[in-house]
Amino acid sequence: FYGEQLPALMMFVGTGAGGGLHTSDFLPGDDDVR
């Protein structure tokens, strides 16, 4: 919705975490904050 009216960029950042998004054991590491 932002990109409909503004220049916008969404990046996807890799992680070494196991599991998948929206699962009960998904836990990115603290280094992923960096």
PDB file of all heavy atoms in Angstrom:
ATOM      1  N   PHE A   1       0.822  -1.210   0.000  1.00  0.00           N
ATOM      2  CA  PHE A   1       0.000   0.000   0.000  1.00  0.00           C
ATOM      3  C   PHE A   1       0.857   1.262   0.000  1.00  0.00           C
ATOM      4  O   PHE A   1       0.452   2.290  -0.547  1.00  0.00           O
ATOM      5  CB  PHE A   1      -0.944   0.008   1.197  1.00  0.00           C
ATOM      6  CG  PHE A   1      -2.126  -0.917   1.042  1.00  0.00           C
ATOM      7  CD1 PHE A   1      -2.224  -2.077   1.795  1.00  0.00           C
ATOM      8  CD2 PHE A   1      -3.134  -0.632   0.135  1.00  0.00           C
ATOM      9  CE1 PHE A   1      -3.310  -2.930   1.658  1.00  0.00           C
ATOM     10  CE2 PHE A   1      -4.222  -1.483  -0.019  1.00  0.00           C
ATOM     11  CZ  PHE A   1      -4.308  -2.633   0.744  1.00  0.00           C
ATOM     12  N   TYR A   2       2.049   1.196   0.612  1.00  0.00           N
ATOM     13  CA  TYR A   2       2.952   2.353   0.558  1.00  0.00           C
ATOM     14  C   TYR A   2       3.429   2.574  -0.874  1.00  0.00           C
ATOM     15  O   TYR A   2       3.507   3.703  -1.360  1.00  0.00           O
ATOM     16  CB  TYR A   2       4.151   2.138   1.476  1.00  0.00           C
ATOM     17  CG  TYR A   2       3.792   1.888   2.933  1.00  0.00           C
ATOM     18  CD1 TYR A   2       4.163   0.700   3.564  1.00  0.00           C
ATOM     19  CD2 TYR A   2       3.083   2.823   3.674  1.00  0.00           C
ATOM     20  CE1 TYR A   2       3.848   0.460   4.888  1.00  0.00           C
ATOM     21  CE2 TYR A   2       2.754   2.594   5.007  1.00  0.00           C
ATOM     22  CZ  TYR A   2       3.141   1.402   5.610  1.00  0.00           C
ATOM     23  OH  TYR A   2       2.809   1.161   6.922  1.00  0.00           O
ATOM     24  N   GLY A   3       3.760   1.476  -1.552  1.00  0.00           N
ATOM     25  CA  GLY A   3       4.294   1.579  -2.902  1.00  0.00           C
ATOM     26  C   GLY A   3       3.303   2.072  -3.936  1.00  0.00           C
ATOM     27  O   GLY A   3       3.698   2.472  -5.029  1.00  0.00           O
ATOM     28  N   GLU A   4       2.003   2.019  -3.625  1.00  0.00           N
ATOM     29  CA  GLU A   4       1.017   2.569  -4.542  1.00  0.00           C
ATOM     30  C   GLU A   4       1.163   4.081  -4.696  1.00  0.00           C
ATOM     31  O   GLU A   4       0.809   4.638  -5.738  1.00  0.00           O
ATOM     32  CB  GLU A   4      -0.399   2.253  -4.064  1.00  0.00           C
ATOM     33  CG  GLU A   4      -0.877   0.857  -4.359  1.00  0.00           C
ATOM     34  CD  GLU A   4      -2.370   0.721  -4.185  1.00  0.00           C
ATOM     35  OE1 GLU A   4      -2.908   1.154  -3.147  1.00  0.00           O
ATOM     36  OE2 GLU A   4      -3.018   0.162  -5.096  1.00  0.00           O
ATOM     37  N   GLN A   5       1.678   4.758  -3.668  1.00  0.00           N
ATOM     38  CA  GLN A   5       1.740   6.215  -3.696  1.00  0.00           C
ATOM     39  C   GLN A   5       3.143   6.781  -3.536  1.00  0.00           C
ATOM     40  O   GLN A   5       3.351   7.977  -3.774  1.00  0.00           O
ATOM     41  CB  GLN A   5       0.843   6.787  -2.585  1.00  0.00           C
ATOM     42  CG  GLN A   5      -0.626   6.398  -2.712  1.00  0.00           C
ATOM     43  CD  GLN A   5      -1.482   7.022  -1.636  1.00  0.00           C
ATOM     44  OE1 GLN A   5      -1.313   8.191  -1.278  1.00  0.00           O
ATOM     45  NE2 GLN A   5      -2.427   6.253  -1.101  1.00  0.00           N
ATOM     46  N   LEU A   6       4.095   5.941  -3.121  1.00  0.00           N
ATOM     47  CA  LEU A   6       5.445   6.417  -2.851  1.00  0.00           C
ATOM     48  C   LEU A   6       6.479   5.477  -3.472  1.00  0.00           C
ATOM     49  O   LEU A   6       6.207   4.286  -3.627  1.00  0.00           O
ATOM     50  CB  LEU A   6       5.703   6.450  -1.339  1.00  0.00           C
ATOM     51  CG  LEU A   6       4.895   7.416  -0.485  1.00  0.00           C
ATOM     52  CD1 LEU A   6       5.030   7.039   0.987  1.00  0.00           C
ATOM     53  CD2 LEU A   6       5.366   8.846  -0.715  1.00  0.00           C
ATOM     54  N   PRO A   7       7.682   5.994  -3.806  1.00  0.00           N
ATOM     55  CA  PRO A   7       8.771   5.073  -4.116  1.00  0.00           C
ATOM     56  C   PRO A   7       9.013   4.171  -2.903  1.00  0.00           C
ATOM     57  O   PRO A   7       9.140   4.664  -1.776  1.00  0.00           O
ATOM     58  CB  PRO A   7       9.971   5.998  -4.366  1.00  0.00           C
ATOM     59  CG  PRO A   7       9.366   7.325  -4.699  1.00  0.00           C
ATOM     60  CD  PRO A   7       8.093   7.414  -3.906  1.00  0.00           C
ATOM     61  N   ALA A   8       9.039   2.875  -3.112  1.00  0.00           N
ATOM     62  CA  ALA A   8       9.132   1.945  -1.987  1.00  0.00           C
ATOM     63  C   ALA A   8      10.027   0.771  -2.354  1.00  0.00           C
ATOM     64  O   ALA A   8      10.131   0.387  -3.520  1.00  0.00           O
ATOM     65  CB  ALA A   8       7.748   1.450  -1.575  1.00  0.00           C
ATOM     66  N   LEU A   9      10.646   0.202  -1.330  1.00  0.00           N
ATOM     67  CA  LEU A   9      11.521  -0.952  -1.524  1.00  0.00           C
ATOM     68  C   LEU A   9      11.352  -1.908  -0.357  1.00  0.00           C
ATOM     69  O   LEU A   9      11.515  -1.524   0.804  1.00  0.00           O
ATOM     70  CB  LEU A   9      12.985  -0.506  -1.606  1.00  0.00           C
ATOM     71  CG  LEU A   9      14.033  -1.632  -1.612  1.00  0.00           C
ATOM     72  CD1 LEU A   9      13.895  -2.514  -2.850  1.00  0.00           C
ATOM     73  CD2 LEU A   9      15.447  -1.063  -1.511  1.00  0.00           C
ATOM     74  N   MET A  10      11.024  -3.156  -0.671  1.00  0.00           N
ATOM     75  CA  MET A  10      10.997  -4.234   0.315  1.00  0.00           C
ATOM     76  C   MET A  10      12.122  -5.210  -0.005  1.00  0.00           C
ATOM     77  O   MET A  10      12.191  -5.754  -1.118  1.00  0.00           O
ATOM     78  CB  MET A  10       9.658  -4.967   0.301  1.00  0.00           C
ATOM     79  CG  MET A  10       9.626  -6.257   1.128  1.00  0.00           C
ATOM     80  SD  MET A  10      10.001  -6.028   2.878  1.00  0.00           S
ATOM     81  CE  MET A  10       8.434  -5.308   3.426  1.00  0.00           C
ATOM     82  N   MET A  11      13.005  -5.414   0.966  1.00  0.00           N
ATOM     83  CA  MET A  11      14.089  -6.382   0.832  1.00  0.00           C
ATOM     84  C   MET A  11      13.798  -7.601   1.693  1.00  0.00           C
ATOM     85  O   MET A  11      13.161  -7.499   2.741  1.00  0.00           O
ATOM     86  CB  MET A  11      15.417  -5.742   1.263  1.00  0.00           C
ATOM     87  CG  MET A  11      15.887  -4.643   0.328  1.00  0.00           C
ATOM     88  SD  MET A  11      17.172  -3.599   1.063  1.00  0.00           S
ATOM     89  CE  MET A  11      16.182  -2.554   2.150  1.00  0.00           C
ATOM     90  N   PHE A  12      14.275  -8.756   1.252  1.00  0.00           N
ATOM     91  CA  PHE A  12      14.122  -9.995   1.999  1.00  0.00           C
ATOM     92  C   PHE A  12      15.505 -10.462   2.439  1.00  0.00           C
ATOM     93  O   PHE A  12      16.417 -10.577   1.614  1.00  0.00           O
ATOM     94  CB  PHE A  12      13.419 -11.050   1.152  1.00  0.00           C
ATOM     95  CG  PHE A  12      12.028 -10.627   0.738  1.00  0.00           C
ATOM     96  CD1 PHE A  12      11.807 -10.068  -0.508  1.00  0.00           C
ATOM     97  CD2 PHE A  12      10.965 -10.754   1.611  1.00  0.00           C
ATOM     98  CE1 PHE A  12      10.539  -9.664  -0.896  1.00  0.00           C
ATOM     99  CE2 PHE A  12       9.692 -10.339   1.240  1.00  0.00           C
ATOM    100  CZ  PHE A  12       9.480  -9.801  -0.016  1.00  0.00           C
ATOM    101  N   VAL A  13      15.631 -10.710   3.733  1.00  0.00           N
ATOM    102  CA  VAL A  13      16.935 -10.939   4.351  1.00  0.00           C
ATOM    103  C   VAL A  13      17.054 -12.396   4.784  1.00  0.00           C
ATOM    104  O   VAL A  13      16.212 -12.903   5.532  1.00  0.00           O
ATOM    105  CB  VAL A  13      17.113 -10.004   5.573  1.00  0.00           C
ATOM    106  CG1 VAL A  13      18.490 -10.212   6.205  1.00  0.00           C
ATOM    107  CG2 VAL A  13      16.930  -8.542   5.155  1.00  0.00           C
ATOM    108  N   GLY A  14      18.094 -13.064   4.321  1.00  0.00           N
ATOM    109  CA  GLY A  14      18.305 -14.461   4.645  1.00  0.00           C
ATOM    110  C   GLY A  14      18.654 -14.684   6.105  1.00  0.00           C
ATOM    111  O   GLY A  14      19.142 -13.793   6.802  1.00  0.00           O
ATOM    112  N   THR A  15      18.378 -15.883   6.584  1.00  0.00           N
ATOM    113  CA  THR A  15      18.645 -16.245   7.972  1.00  0.00           C
ATOM    114  C   THR A  15      19.098 -17.697   8.038  1.00  0.00           C
ATOM    115  O   THR A  15      18.707 -18.516   7.212  1.00  0.00           O
ATOM    116  CB  THR A  15      17.384 -16.059   8.846  1.00  0.00           C
ATOM    117  OG1 THR A  15      17.649 -16.572  10.159  1.00  0.00           O
ATOM    118  CG2 THR A  15      16.182 -16.801   8.279  1.00  0.00           C
ATOM    119  N   GLY A  16      19.893 -17.988   9.023  1.00  0.00           N
ATOM    120  CA  GLY A  16      20.294 -19.371   9.230  1.00  0.00           C
ATOM    121  C   GLY A  16      19.312 -20.146  10.087  1.00  0.00           C
ATOM    122  O   GLY A  16      19.551 -21.311  10.403  1.00  0.00           O
ATOM    123  N   ALA A  17      18.188 -19.508  10.454  1.00  0.00           N
ATOM    124  CA  ALA A  17      17.216 -20.155  11.340  1.00  0.00           C
ATOM    125  C   ALA A  17      16.532 -21.322  10.640  1.00  0.00           C
ATOM    126  O   ALA A  17      16.232 -21.266   9.449  1.00  0.00           O
ATOM    127  CB  ALA A  17      16.172 -19.139  11.797  1.00  0.00           C
ATOM    128  N   GLY A  18      16.259 -22.360  11.408  1.00  0.00           N
ATOM    129  CA  GLY A  18      15.489 -23.472  10.882  1.00  0.00           C
ATOM    130  C   GLY A  18      14.005 -23.180  10.958  1.00  0.00           C
ATOM    131  O   GLY A  18      13.568 -22.153  11.476  1.00  0.00           O
ATOM    132  N   GLY A  19      13.206 -24.094  10.448  1.00  0.00           N
ATOM    133  CA  GLY A  19      11.761 -23.899  10.463  1.00  0.00           C
ATOM    134  C   GLY A  19      11.339 -22.903   9.409  1.00  0.00           C
ATOM    135  O   GLY A  19      12.132 -22.429   8.599  1.00  0.00           O
ATOM    136  N   GLY A  20      10.079 -22.576   9.426  1.00  0.00           N
ATOM    137  CA  GLY A  20       9.550 -21.658   8.431  1.00  0.00           C
ATOM    138  C   GLY A  20       8.712 -20.589   9.083  1.00  0.00           C
ATOM    139  O   GLY A  20       8.296 -20.694  10.246  1.00  0.00           O
ATOM    140  N   LEU A  21       8.453 -19.526   8.338  1.00  0.00           N
ATOM    141  CA  LEU A  21       7.598 -18.451   8.824  1.00  0.00           C
ATOM    142  C   LEU A  21       6.250 -19.013   9.276  1.00  0.00           C
ATOM    143  O   LEU A  21       5.718 -19.947   8.674  1.00  0.00           O
ATOM    144  CB  LEU A  21       7.386 -17.416   7.723  1.00  0.00           C
ATOM    145  CG  LEU A  21       8.625 -16.652   7.239  1.00  0.00           C
ATOM    146  CD1 LEU A  21       8.292 -15.862   5.990  1.00  0.00           C
ATOM    147  CD2 LEU A  21       9.162 -15.733   8.320  1.00  0.00           C
ATOM    148  N   HIS A  22       5.723 -18.442  10.354  1.00  0.00           N
ATOM    149  CA  HIS A  22       4.401 -18.796  10.883  1.00  0.00           C
ATOM    150  C   HIS A  22       4.372 -20.214  11.460  1.00  0.00           C
ATOM    151  O   HIS A  22       3.314 -20.847  11.493  1.00  0.00           O
ATOM    152  CB  HIS A  22       3.304 -18.631   9.824  1.00  0.00           C
ATOM    153  CG  HIS A  22       3.062 -17.205   9.422  1.00  0.00           C
ATOM    154  ND1 HIS A  22       1.842 -16.761   8.945  1.00  0.00           N
ATOM    155  CD2 HIS A  22       3.865 -16.122   9.450  1.00  0.00           C
ATOM    156  CE1 HIS A  22       1.928 -15.463   8.670  1.00  0.00           C
ATOM    157  NE2 HIS A  22       3.157 -15.063   8.969  1.00  0.00           N
ATOM    158  N   THR A  23       5.506 -20.717  11.919  1.00  0.00           N
ATOM    159  CA  THR A  23       5.533 -22.009  12.600  1.00  0.00           C
ATOM    160  C   THR A  23       5.989 -21.818  14.044  1.00  0.00           C
ATOM    161  O   THR A  23       6.675 -20.846  14.378  1.00  0.00           O
ATOM    162  CB  THR A  23       6.471 -23.005  11.896  1.00  0.00           C
ATOM    163  OG1 THR A  23       7.811 -22.492  11.887  1.00  0.00           O
ATOM    164  CG2 THR A  23       6.016 -23.252  10.466  1.00  0.00           C
ATOM    165  N   SER A  24       5.624 -22.749  14.904  1.00  0.00           N
ATOM    166  CA  SER A  24       5.825 -22.579  16.342  1.00  0.00           C
ATOM    167  C   SER A  24       7.285 -22.642  16.766  1.00  0.00           C
ATOM    168  O   SER A  24       7.627 -22.227  17.879  1.00  0.00           O
ATOM    169  CB  SER A  24       5.033 -23.638  17.110  1.00  0.00           C
ATOM    170  OG  SER A  24       5.539 -24.942  16.834  1.00  0.00           O
ATOM    171  N   ASP A  25       8.174 -23.165  15.902  1.00  0.00           N
ATOM    172  CA  ASP A  25       9.580 -23.277  16.264  1.00  0.00           C
ATOM    173  C   ASP A  25      10.469 -22.336  15.458  1.00  0.00           C
ATOM    174  O   ASP A  25      11.695 -22.468  15.469  1.00  0.00           O
ATOM    175  CB  ASP A  25      10.065 -24.720  16.099  1.00  0.00           C
ATOM    176  CG  ASP A  25       9.931 -25.219  14.660  1.00  0.00           C
ATOM    177  OD1 ASP A  25       9.260 -24.553  13.840  1.00  0.00           O
ATOM    178  OD2 ASP A  25      10.498 -26.295  14.355  1.00  0.00           O
ATOM    179  N   PHE A  26       9.870 -21.357  14.777  1.00  0.00           N
ATOM    180  CA  PHE A  26      10.667 -20.440  13.959  1.00  0.00           C
ATOM    181  C   PHE A  26      11.318 -19.401  14.866  1.00  0.00           C
ATOM    182  O   PHE A  26      10.633 -18.661  15.575  1.00  0.00           O
ATOM    183  CB  PHE A  26       9.792 -19.756  12.916  1.00  0.00           C
ATOM    184  CG  PHE A  26      10.562 -18.799  12.038  1.00  0.00           C
ATOM    185  CD1 PHE A  26      11.586 -19.253  11.227  1.00  0.00           C
ATOM    186  CD2 PHE A  26      10.265 -17.439  12.032  1.00  0.00           C
ATOM    187  CE1 PHE A  26      12.300 -18.382  10.423  1.00  0.00           C
ATOM    188  CE2 PHE A  26      10.967 -16.561  11.231  1.00  0.00           C
ATOM    189  CZ  PHE A  26      11.992 -17.034  10.417  1.00  0.00           C
ATOM    190  N   LEU A  27      12.652 -19.318  14.810  1.00  0.00           N
ATOM    191  CA  LEU A  27      13.370 -18.409  15.697  1.00  0.00           C
ATOM    192  C   LEU A  27      14.640 -17.900  15.015  1.00  0.00           C
ATOM    193  O   LEU A  27      15.693 -18.535  15.101  1.00  0.00           O
ATOM    194  CB  LEU A  27      13.730 -19.106  17.011  1.00  0.00           C
ATOM    195  CG  LEU A  27      14.302 -18.193  18.096  1.00  0.00           C
ATOM    196  CD1 LEU A  27      13.209 -17.297  18.678  1.00  0.00           C
ATOM    197  CD2 LEU A  27      14.941 -19.025  19.200  1.00  0.00           C
ATOM    198  N   PRO A  28      14.570 -16.759  14.342  1.00  0.00           N
ATOM    199  CA  PRO A  28      15.791 -16.165  13.798  1.00  0.00           C
ATOM    200  C   PRO A  28      16.787 -15.883  14.914  1.00  0.00           C
ATOM    201  O   PRO A  28      16.411 -15.613  16.065  1.00  0.00           O
ATOM    202  CB  PRO A  28      15.287 -14.867  13.166  1.00  0.00           C
ATOM    203  CG  PRO A  28      13.830 -15.086  12.922  1.00  0.00           C
ATOM    204  CD  PRO A  28      13.374 -15.974  14.042  1.00  0.00           C
ATOM    205  N   GLY A  29      18.075 -15.926  14.584  1.00  0.00           N
ATOM    206  CA  GLY A  29      19.110 -15.662  15.575  1.00  0.00           C
ATOM    207  C   GLY A  29      19.240 -14.178  15.886  1.00  0.00           C
ATOM    208  O   GLY A  29      18.759 -13.315  15.141  1.00  0.00           O
ATOM    209  N   ASP A  30      19.902 -13.872  16.986  1.00  0.00           N
ATOM    210  CA  ASP A  30      20.109 -12.467  17.346  1.00  0.00           C
ATOM    211  C   ASP A  30      20.939 -11.737  16.302  1.00  0.00           C
ATOM    212  O   ASP A  30      20.793 -10.523  16.119  1.00  0.00           O
ATOM    213  CB  ASP A  30      20.796 -12.387  18.709  1.00  0.00           C
ATOM    214  CG  ASP A  30      19.841 -12.707  19.851  1.00  0.00           C
ATOM    215  OD1 ASP A  30      18.610 -12.624  19.637  1.00  0.00           O
ATOM    216  OD2 ASP A  30      20.326 -13.028  20.954  1.00  0.00           O
ATOM    217  N   ASP A  31      21.821 -12.455  15.607  1.00  0.00           N
ATOM    218  CA  ASP A  31      22.625 -11.807  14.576  1.00  0.00           C
ATOM    219  C   ASP A  31      21.757 -11.330  13.413  1.00  0.00           C
ATOM    220  O   ASP A  31      22.169 -10.467  12.647  1.00  0.00           O
ATOM    221  CB  ASP A  31      23.716 -12.758  14.066  1.00  0.00           C
ATOM    222  CG  ASP A  31      24.836 -12.007  13.355  1.00  0.00           C
ATOM    223  OD1 ASP A  31      25.243 -10.942  13.863  1.00  0.00           O
ATOM    224  OD2 ASP A  31      25.296 -12.473  12.300  1.00  0.00           O
ATOM    225  N   ASP A  32      20.550 -11.878  13.299  1.00  0.00           N
ATOM    226  CA  ASP A  32      19.659 -11.424  12.241  1.00  0.00           C
ATOM    227  C   ASP A  32      19.164  -9.999  12.484  1.00  0.00           C
ATOM    228  O   ASP A  32      18.734  -9.324  11.544  1.00  0.00           O
ATOM    229  CB  ASP A  32      18.473 -12.380  12.091  1.00  0.00           C
ATOM    230  CG  ASP A  32      18.876 -13.703  11.457  1.00  0.00           C
ATOM    231  OD1 ASP A  32      19.722 -13.680  10.545  1.00  0.00           O
ATOM    232  OD2 ASP A  32      18.369 -14.755  11.882  1.00  0.00           O
ATOM    233  N   VAL A  33      19.210  -9.532  13.722  1.00  0.00           N
ATOM    234  CA  VAL A  33      18.906  -8.118  13.979  1.00  0.00           C
ATOM    235  C   VAL A  33      19.899  -7.246  13.212  1.00  0.00           C
ATOM    236  O   VAL A  33      19.533  -6.241  12.599  1.00  0.00           O
ATOM    237  CB  VAL A  33      18.949  -7.803  15.486  1.00  0.00           C
ATOM    238  CG1 VAL A  33      18.731  -6.308  15.729  1.00  0.00           C
ATOM    239  CG2 VAL A  33      17.909  -8.622  16.237  1.00  0.00           C
ATOM    240  N   ARG A  34      21.170  -7.641  13.232  1.00  0.00           N
ATOM    241  CA  ARG A  34      22.188  -6.901  12.482  1.00  0.00           C
ATOM    242  C   ARG A  34      21.894  -6.926  10.982  1.00  0.00           C
ATOM    243  O   ARG A  34      21.956  -5.884  10.316  1.00  0.00           O
ATOM    244  CB  ARG A  34      23.574  -7.489  12.736  1.00  0.00           C
ATOM    245  CG  ARG A  34      24.645  -6.968  11.755  1.00  0.00           C
ATOM    246  CD  ARG A  34      26.023  -7.571  11.960  1.00  0.00           C
ATOM    247  NE  ARG A  34      26.707  -6.906  13.067  1.00  0.00           N
ATOM    248  CZ  ARG A  34      26.880  -7.443  14.264  1.00  0.00           C
ATOM    249  NH1 ARG A  34      26.407  -8.675  14.504  1.00  0.00           N
ATOM    250  NH2 ARG A  34      27.506  -6.791  15.207  1.00  0.00           N
TER     251      ARG A  34
END
